[in-house]
Amino acid sequence: MRKAVSFLLLFVLWLSPSVSSASAYSITEVELTQLESIFAELKTVNETLLLESNQSARELIEARKQLKQLQDELTKLKEQLAMLKAESNQAQSGLAKINSELQLASESYKKSVNETNRKIKSLEWQRGILAVVAGFLAVRK
């Protein structure tokens, strides 16, 4: 704002008629009133800008606080995501292991069923043969 006042004064001096360094500057009452009016307006504008600047500074501080909070929250969420990914990977690994063991158990069960069926058929054949032999022996006596 001071720059604006300085530029304004320089502008006013530049517009005034050139005089030698020995002569004194004179200003009329109308010009003095105009300058006072301009200075009052500049003061008002300066105060308004200062208030707006202070408000902007407070808003900037608040925005930075919120940004920091959001960054902290984002960091926590990223950490949680990493933990959840690790847990998910562990669960998938465990599931793959369980599926493998289930597959082995299923294959073992099928082999056991086949072996049991084979033994049952063998016993049925043996019983049939024994029945024939017993029948033959019973008829012979």
N, C-alpha and C. Protein backbone atom coordinates (compact mmCIF):
# COMPACT_ATOMS: atom_id res chain seq x y z
N MET A 1 0.81 -1.17 0.00
CA MET A 1 0.00 0.00 0.00
C MET A 1 0.86 1.25 0.00
N ARG A 2 1.98 1.17 0.68
CA ARG A 2 2.89 2.32 0.72
C ARG A 2 3.42 2.63 -0.68
N LYS A 3 3.61 1.58 -1.45
CA LYS A 3 4.06 1.79 -2.83
C LYS A 3 3.04 2.60 -3.61
N ALA A 4 1.77 2.28 -3.39
CA ALA A 4 0.71 3.00 -4.10
C ALA A 4 0.72 4.48 -3.73
N VAL A 5 0.90 4.75 -2.44
CA VAL A 5 0.95 6.15 -1.99
C VAL A 5 2.16 6.85 -2.59
N SER A 6 3.30 6.15 -2.59
CA SER A 6 4.51 6.74 -3.15
C SER A 6 4.34 7.03 -4.63
N PHE A 7 3.76 6.08 -5.34
CA PHE A 7 3.55 6.28 -6.77
C PHE A 7 2.57 7.43 -7.01
N LEU A 8 1.56 7.53 -6.18
CA LEU A 8 0.60 8.60 -6.32
C LEU A 8 1.27 9.96 -6.10
N LEU A 9 2.09 10.05 -5.08
CA LEU A 9 2.80 11.31 -4.83
C LEU A 9 3.73 11.65 -5.99
N LEU A 10 4.44 10.65 -6.48
CA LEU A 10 5.33 10.89 -7.63
C LEU A 10 4.53 11.35 -8.84
N PHE A 11 3.36 10.75 -9.03
CA PHE A 11 2.51 11.11 -10.15
C PHE A 11 2.03 12.55 -10.02
N VAL A 12 1.62 12.94 -8.81
CA VAL A 12 1.17 14.32 -8.58
C VAL A 12 2.31 15.29 -8.82
N LEU A 13 3.48 14.95 -8.33
CA LEU A 13 4.64 15.83 -8.53
C LEU A 13 5.01 15.91 -10.00
N TRP A 14 4.85 14.83 -10.70
CA TRP A 14 5.20 14.81 -12.12
C TRP A 14 4.24 15.68 -12.92
N LEU A 15 2.96 15.69 -12.51
CA LEU A 15 1.97 16.51 -13.20
C LEU A 15 2.11 18.00 -12.89
N SER A 16 2.67 18.33 -11.77
CA SER A 16 2.82 19.75 -11.42
C SER A 16 3.87 20.39 -12.33
N PRO A 17 3.73 21.67 -12.58
CA PRO A 17 4.66 22.34 -13.51
C PRO A 17 6.09 22.32 -12.97
N SER A 18 7.00 22.19 -13.89
CA SER A 18 8.41 22.16 -13.50
C SER A 18 8.84 23.51 -12.97
N VAL A 19 9.60 23.48 -11.89
CA VAL A 19 10.13 24.71 -11.31
C VAL A 19 11.59 24.50 -11.01
N SER A 20 12.28 25.55 -10.86
CA SER A 20 13.70 25.42 -10.56
C SER A 20 13.86 25.02 -9.10
N SER A 21 15.00 24.52 -8.75
CA SER A 21 15.23 24.04 -7.40
C SER A 21 15.22 25.18 -6.40
N ALA A 22 15.38 26.38 -6.83
CA ALA A 22 15.40 27.51 -5.92
C ALA A 22 14.00 27.98 -5.56
N SER A 23 13.01 27.69 -6.42
CA SER A 23 11.66 28.19 -6.13
C SER A 23 10.92 27.20 -5.23
N ALA A 24 9.91 27.64 -4.56
CA ALA A 24 9.13 26.81 -3.64
C ALA A 24 7.93 26.25 -4.37
N TYR A 25 7.50 25.06 -3.92
CA TYR A 25 6.30 24.45 -4.51
C TYR A 25 5.09 25.10 -3.86
N SER A 26 4.08 25.32 -4.66
CA SER A 26 2.84 25.84 -4.09
C SER A 26 1.69 24.94 -4.52
N ILE A 27 0.73 24.81 -3.65
CA ILE A 27 -0.41 23.95 -3.93
C ILE A 27 -1.66 24.72 -3.54
N THR A 28 -2.66 24.60 -4.37
CA THR A 28 -3.90 25.34 -4.09
C THR A 28 -4.71 24.57 -3.07
N GLU A 29 -5.71 25.23 -2.52
CA GLU A 29 -6.54 24.60 -1.51
C GLU A 29 -7.36 23.46 -2.13
N VAL A 30 -7.78 23.62 -3.35
CA VAL A 30 -8.55 22.59 -4.06
C VAL A 30 -7.68 21.34 -4.24
N GLU A 31 -6.42 21.58 -4.67
CA GLU A 31 -5.50 20.45 -4.85
C GLU A 31 -5.22 19.77 -3.51
N LEU A 32 -5.06 20.57 -2.46
CA LEU A 32 -4.83 20.01 -1.13
C LEU A 32 -6.04 19.17 -0.69
N THR A 33 -7.21 19.67 -0.93
CA THR A 33 -8.44 18.92 -0.59
C THR A 33 -8.51 17.63 -1.38
N GLN A 34 -8.16 17.69 -2.67
CA GLN A 34 -8.16 16.49 -3.51
C GLN A 34 -7.15 15.46 -2.97
N LEU A 35 -5.96 15.97 -2.59
CA LEU A 35 -4.94 15.05 -2.06
C LEU A 35 -5.41 14.42 -0.75
N GLU A 36 -6.01 15.24 0.12
CA GLU A 36 -6.52 14.71 1.38
C GLU A 36 -7.60 13.66 1.12
N SER A 37 -8.46 13.93 0.15
CA SER A 37 -9.51 12.98 -0.20
C SER A 37 -8.90 11.68 -0.74
N ILE A 38 -7.91 11.83 -1.59
CA ILE A 38 -7.23 10.65 -2.16
C ILE A 38 -6.55 9.87 -1.04
N PHE A 39 -5.85 10.59 -0.13
CA PHE A 39 -5.18 9.91 0.98
C PHE A 39 -6.18 9.19 1.88
N ALA A 40 -7.34 9.83 2.13
CA ALA A 40 -8.37 9.20 2.96
C ALA A 40 -8.88 7.94 2.28
N GLU A 41 -9.11 8.03 0.98
CA GLU A 41 -9.58 6.86 0.23
C GLU A 41 -8.52 5.77 0.23
N LEU A 42 -7.26 6.18 0.04
CA LEU A 42 -6.17 5.19 0.07
C LEU A 42 -6.06 4.54 1.44
N LYS A 43 -6.26 5.33 2.50
CA LYS A 43 -6.21 4.78 3.85
C LYS A 43 -7.31 3.75 4.03
N THR A 44 -8.50 4.08 3.56
CA THR A 44 -9.63 3.15 3.66
C THR A 44 -9.34 1.87 2.87
N VAL A 45 -8.85 2.04 1.67
CA VAL A 45 -8.52 0.88 0.83
C VAL A 45 -7.42 0.06 1.51
N ASN A 46 -6.44 0.75 2.07
CA ASN A 46 -5.33 0.07 2.74
C ASN A 46 -5.85 -0.73 3.94
N GLU A 47 -6.72 -0.14 4.74
CA GLU A 47 -7.28 -0.85 5.90
C GLU A 47 -8.10 -2.06 5.46
N THR A 48 -8.89 -1.87 4.40
CA THR A 48 -9.68 -2.99 3.87
C THR A 48 -8.77 -4.11 3.39
N LEU A 49 -7.73 -3.74 2.65
CA LEU A 49 -6.79 -4.75 2.16
C LEU A 49 -6.07 -5.44 3.31
N LEU A 50 -5.74 -4.68 4.34
CA LEU A 50 -5.07 -5.27 5.50
C LEU A 50 -5.99 -6.26 6.20
N LEU A 51 -7.26 -5.89 6.38
CA LEU A 51 -8.22 -6.80 6.99
C LEU A 51 -8.39 -8.07 6.14
N GLU A 52 -8.50 -7.87 4.82
CA GLU A 52 -8.65 -9.02 3.93
C GLU A 52 -7.39 -9.89 3.95
N SER A 53 -6.25 -9.23 4.04
CA SER A 53 -4.99 -9.97 4.10
C SER A 53 -4.91 -10.79 5.38
N ASN A 54 -5.31 -10.19 6.50
CA ASN A 54 -5.31 -10.92 7.77
C ASN A 54 -6.28 -12.10 7.72
N GLN A 55 -7.47 -11.84 7.14
CA GLN A 55 -8.46 -12.93 7.01
C GLN A 55 -7.90 -14.04 6.11
N SER A 56 -7.26 -13.66 5.02
CA SER A 56 -6.67 -14.65 4.12
C SER A 56 -5.57 -15.43 4.83
N ALA A 57 -4.80 -14.75 5.65
CA ALA A 57 -3.73 -15.43 6.39
C ALA A 57 -4.33 -16.44 7.37
N ARG A 58 -5.41 -16.04 8.06
CA ARG A 58 -6.06 -16.98 8.98
C ARG A 58 -6.65 -18.17 8.22
N GLU A 59 -7.26 -17.89 7.09
CA GLU A 59 -7.82 -18.98 6.28
C GLU A 59 -6.73 -19.90 5.76
N LEU A 60 -5.60 -19.32 5.39
CA LEU A 60 -4.47 -20.13 4.92
C LEU A 60 -3.95 -21.02 6.03
N ILE A 61 -3.84 -20.47 7.23
CA ILE A 61 -3.38 -21.27 8.39
C ILE A 61 -4.35 -22.41 8.64
N GLU A 62 -5.65 -22.11 8.60
CA GLU A 62 -6.66 -23.15 8.82
C GLU A 62 -6.60 -24.20 7.71
N ALA A 63 -6.44 -23.75 6.48
CA ALA A 63 -6.34 -24.69 5.35
C ALA A 63 -5.11 -25.58 5.50
N ARG A 64 -4.01 -25.01 5.97
CA ARG A 64 -2.79 -25.81 6.18
C ARG A 64 -3.00 -26.84 7.29
N LYS A 65 -3.71 -26.43 8.36
CA LYS A 65 -4.01 -27.38 9.44
C LYS A 65 -4.85 -28.54 8.90
N GLN A 66 -5.87 -28.19 8.12
CA GLN A 66 -6.73 -29.22 7.55
C GLN A 66 -5.94 -30.12 6.61
N LEU A 67 -5.07 -29.53 5.81
CA LEU A 67 -4.23 -30.31 4.90
C LEU A 67 -3.36 -31.27 5.68
N LYS A 68 -2.77 -30.80 6.78
CA LYS A 68 -1.92 -31.65 7.62
C LYS A 68 -2.73 -32.80 8.20
N GLN A 69 -3.94 -32.49 8.69
CA GLN A 69 -4.81 -33.53 9.24
C GLN A 69 -5.16 -34.56 8.17
N LEU A 70 -5.48 -34.07 6.97
CA LEU A 70 -5.84 -34.98 5.88
C LEU A 70 -4.64 -35.82 5.45
N GLN A 71 -3.45 -35.21 5.46
CA GLN A 71 -2.25 -35.97 5.11
C GLN A 71 -1.98 -37.05 6.16
N ASP A 72 -2.16 -36.70 7.44
CA ASP A 72 -1.98 -37.68 8.51
C ASP A 72 -2.99 -38.82 8.36
N GLU A 73 -4.23 -38.44 8.07
CA GLU A 73 -5.27 -39.46 7.90
C GLU A 73 -4.96 -40.35 6.69
N LEU A 74 -4.49 -39.72 5.62
CA LEU A 74 -4.12 -40.50 4.43
C LEU A 74 -2.98 -41.46 4.74
N THR A 75 -2.01 -41.01 5.51
CA THR A 75 -0.90 -41.88 5.90
C THR A 75 -1.41 -43.06 6.71
N LYS A 76 -2.31 -42.79 7.66
CA LYS A 76 -2.88 -43.88 8.47
C LYS A 76 -3.65 -44.86 7.58
N LEU A 77 -4.43 -44.31 6.65
CA LEU A 77 -5.20 -45.18 5.76
C LEU A 77 -4.29 -46.02 4.87
N LYS A 78 -3.19 -45.43 4.42
CA LYS A 78 -2.23 -46.20 3.62
C LYS A 78 -1.61 -47.33 4.44
N GLU A 79 -1.31 -47.03 5.71
CA GLU A 79 -0.76 -48.06 6.59
C GLU A 79 -1.78 -49.17 6.80
N GLN A 80 -3.03 -48.78 7.03
CA GLN A 80 -4.09 -49.78 7.21
C GLN A 80 -4.26 -50.62 5.95
N LEU A 81 -4.20 -49.96 4.80
CA LEU A 81 -4.32 -50.68 3.53
C LEU A 81 -3.19 -51.68 3.37
N ALA A 82 -1.98 -51.26 3.72
CA ALA A 82 -0.83 -52.17 3.63
C ALA A 82 -1.03 -53.37 4.56
N MET A 83 -1.52 -53.11 5.79
CA MET A 83 -1.78 -54.21 6.73
C MET A 83 -2.86 -55.14 6.19
N LEU A 84 -3.93 -54.56 5.65
CA LEU A 84 -5.01 -55.38 5.11
C LEU A 84 -4.54 -56.19 3.91
N LYS A 85 -3.68 -55.61 3.08
CA LYS A 85 -3.13 -56.36 1.95
C LYS A 85 -2.28 -57.53 2.44
N ALA A 86 -1.48 -57.27 3.48
CA ALA A 86 -0.65 -58.35 4.04
C ALA A 86 -1.53 -59.45 4.62
N GLU A 87 -2.58 -59.05 5.35
CA GLU A 87 -3.51 -60.04 5.90
C GLU A 87 -4.22 -60.81 4.80
N SER A 88 -4.59 -60.11 3.74
CA SER A 88 -5.25 -60.75 2.60
C SER A 88 -4.32 -61.76 1.94
N ASN A 89 -3.05 -61.37 1.79
CA ASN A 89 -2.07 -62.28 1.21
C ASN A 89 -1.89 -63.51 2.09
N GLN A 90 -1.84 -63.29 3.41
CA GLN A 90 -1.72 -64.42 4.34
C GLN A 90 -2.94 -65.32 4.23
N ALA A 91 -4.12 -64.72 4.16
CA ALA A 91 -5.35 -65.50 4.06
C ALA A 91 -5.38 -66.30 2.76
N GLN A 92 -4.94 -65.68 1.67
CA GLN A 92 -4.90 -66.38 0.39
C GLN A 92 -3.91 -67.54 0.44
N SER A 93 -2.77 -67.29 1.07
CA SER A 93 -1.77 -68.34 1.22
C SER A 93 -2.32 -69.48 2.06
N GLY A 94 -2.98 -69.14 3.16
CA GLY A 94 -3.59 -70.16 4.02
C GLY A 94 -4.68 -70.92 3.29
N LEU A 95 -5.48 -70.20 2.52
CA LEU A 95 -6.55 -70.83 1.75
C LEU A 95 -5.98 -71.78 0.71
N ALA A 96 -4.90 -71.37 0.05
CA ALA A 96 -4.26 -72.24 -0.94
C ALA A 96 -3.74 -73.50 -0.26
N LYS A 97 -3.16 -73.35 0.92
CA LYS A 97 -2.64 -74.50 1.66
C LYS A 97 -3.79 -75.43 2.06
N ILE A 98 -4.88 -74.86 2.55
CA ILE A 98 -6.04 -75.66 2.95
C ILE A 98 -6.63 -76.37 1.73
N ASN A 99 -6.72 -75.66 0.60
CA ASN A 99 -7.24 -76.28 -0.62
C ASN A 99 -6.35 -77.44 -1.05
N SER A 100 -5.05 -77.27 -0.94
CA SER A 100 -4.12 -78.33 -1.29
C SER A 100 -4.32 -79.54 -0.37
N GLU A 101 -4.43 -79.28 0.92
CA GLU A 101 -4.65 -80.36 1.89
C GLU A 101 -6.00 -81.03 1.66
N LEU A 102 -7.01 -80.24 1.31
CA LEU A 102 -8.33 -80.78 1.01
C LEU A 102 -8.27 -81.67 -0.23
N GLN A 103 -7.52 -81.24 -1.22
CA GLN A 103 -7.34 -82.04 -2.44
C GLN A 103 -6.67 -83.37 -2.11
N LEU A 104 -5.62 -83.31 -1.28
CA LEU A 104 -4.94 -84.54 -0.87
C LEU A 104 -5.87 -85.45 -0.09
N ALA A 105 -6.67 -84.86 0.82
CA ALA A 105 -7.62 -85.65 1.60
C ALA A 105 -8.67 -86.28 0.69
N SER A 106 -9.13 -85.53 -0.30
CA SER A 106 -10.12 -86.05 -1.24
C SER A 106 -9.55 -87.21 -2.04
N GLU A 107 -8.32 -87.05 -2.51
CA GLU A 107 -7.67 -88.13 -3.25
C GLU A 107 -7.47 -89.35 -2.36
N SER A 108 -7.07 -89.12 -1.11
CA SER A 108 -6.88 -90.23 -0.16
C SER A 108 -8.21 -90.92 0.10
N TYR A 109 -9.28 -90.14 0.24
CA TYR A 109 -10.61 -90.72 0.47
C TYR A 109 -11.02 -91.58 -0.72
N LYS A 110 -10.81 -91.06 -1.93
CA LYS A 110 -11.17 -91.82 -3.13
C LYS A 110 -10.39 -93.13 -3.20
N LYS A 111 -9.09 -93.07 -2.88
CA LYS A 111 -8.27 -94.29 -2.88
C LYS A 111 -8.80 -95.27 -1.83
N SER A 112 -9.16 -94.74 -0.66
CA SER A 112 -9.68 -95.58 0.41
C SER A 112 -10.99 -96.24 0.00
N VAL A 113 -11.86 -95.47 -0.64
CA VAL A 113 -13.14 -96.00 -1.11
C VAL A 113 -12.89 -97.09 -2.15
N ASN A 114 -11.99 -96.82 -3.08
CA ASN A 114 -11.67 -97.82 -4.12
C ASN A 114 -11.09 -99.08 -3.48
N GLU A 115 -10.19 -98.89 -2.52
CA GLU A 115 -9.57 -100.04 -1.85
C GLU A 115 -10.62 -100.83 -1.07
N THR A 116 -11.51 -100.11 -0.39
CA THR A 116 -12.58 -100.78 0.36
C THR A 116 -13.50 -101.55 -0.58
N ASN A 117 -13.88 -100.93 -1.69
CA ASN A 117 -14.74 -101.60 -2.67
C ASN A 117 -14.05 -102.85 -3.23
N ARG A 118 -12.75 -102.72 -3.49
CA ARG A 118 -12.00 -103.88 -3.99
C ARG A 118 -12.00 -105.00 -2.96
N LYS A 119 -11.80 -104.67 -1.67
CA LYS A 119 -11.80 -105.68 -0.62
C LYS A 119 -13.18 -106.32 -0.47
N ILE A 120 -14.23 -105.48 -0.57
CA ILE A 120 -15.60 -106.01 -0.48
C ILE A 120 -15.86 -107.00 -1.61
N LYS A 121 -15.46 -106.65 -2.82
CA LYS A 121 -15.65 -107.55 -3.95
C LYS A 121 -14.86 -108.84 -3.75
N SER A 122 -13.65 -108.69 -3.23
CA SER A 122 -12.82 -109.87 -2.98
C SER A 122 -13.47 -110.76 -1.93
N LEU A 123 -14.00 -110.16 -0.86
CA LEU A 123 -14.67 -110.93 0.18
C LEU A 123 -15.95 -111.57 -0.35
N GLU A 124 -16.67 -110.84 -1.22
CA GLU A 124 -17.88 -111.41 -1.82
C GLU A 124 -17.53 -112.63 -2.67
N TRP A 125 -16.41 -112.57 -3.41
CA TRP A 125 -15.96 -113.71 -4.22
C TRP A 125 -15.57 -114.86 -3.30
N GLN A 126 -14.85 -114.51 -2.23
CA GLN A 126 -14.45 -115.57 -1.30
C GLN A 126 -15.67 -116.24 -0.67
N ARG A 127 -16.67 -115.43 -0.26
CA ARG A 127 -17.89 -115.96 0.34
C ARG A 127 -18.62 -116.84 -0.68
N GLY A 128 -18.67 -116.36 -1.92
CA GLY A 128 -19.32 -117.15 -2.97
C GLY A 128 -18.63 -118.49 -3.16
N ILE A 129 -17.32 -118.47 -3.19
CA ILE A 129 -16.55 -119.71 -3.36
C ILE A 129 -16.77 -120.61 -2.16
N LEU A 130 -16.75 -120.03 -0.94
CA LEU A 130 -16.97 -120.83 0.27
C LEU A 130 -18.38 -121.41 0.29
N ALA A 131 -19.34 -120.65 -0.19
CA ALA A 131 -20.72 -121.15 -0.24
C ALA A 131 -20.81 -122.32 -1.21
N VAL A 132 -20.13 -122.21 -2.34
CA VAL A 132 -20.14 -123.30 -3.32
C VAL A 132 -19.47 -124.53 -2.72
N VAL A 133 -18.31 -124.31 -2.06
CA VAL A 133 -17.59 -125.43 -1.45
C VAL A 133 -18.44 -126.04 -0.34
N ALA A 134 -19.07 -125.20 0.49
CA ALA A 134 -19.90 -125.70 1.59
C ALA A 134 -21.11 -126.45 1.01
N GLY A 135 -21.66 -125.93 -0.04
CA GLY A 135 -22.79 -126.58 -0.67
C GLY A 135 -22.37 -127.92 -1.26
N PHE A 136 -21.23 -127.94 -1.85
CA PHE A 136 -20.70 -129.18 -2.44
C PHE A 136 -20.46 -130.21 -1.35
N LEU A 137 -19.87 -129.74 -0.22
CA LEU A 137 -19.58 -130.64 0.90
C LEU A 137 -20.90 -131.11 1.56
N ALA A 138 -21.87 -130.24 1.61
CA ALA A 138 -23.13 -130.61 2.22
C ALA A 138 -23.86 -131.62 1.35
N VAL A 139 -23.75 -131.51 0.10
CA VAL A 139 -24.41 -132.43 -0.82
C VAL A 139 -23.67 -133.79 -0.79
N ARG A 140 -22.43 -133.78 -0.61
CA ARG A 140 -21.64 -134.98 -0.62
C ARG A 140 -21.85 -135.81 0.63
N LYS A 141 -22.19 -135.33 1.66
CA LYS A 141 -22.36 -136.08 2.88
C LYS A 141 -23.69 -136.68 2.91
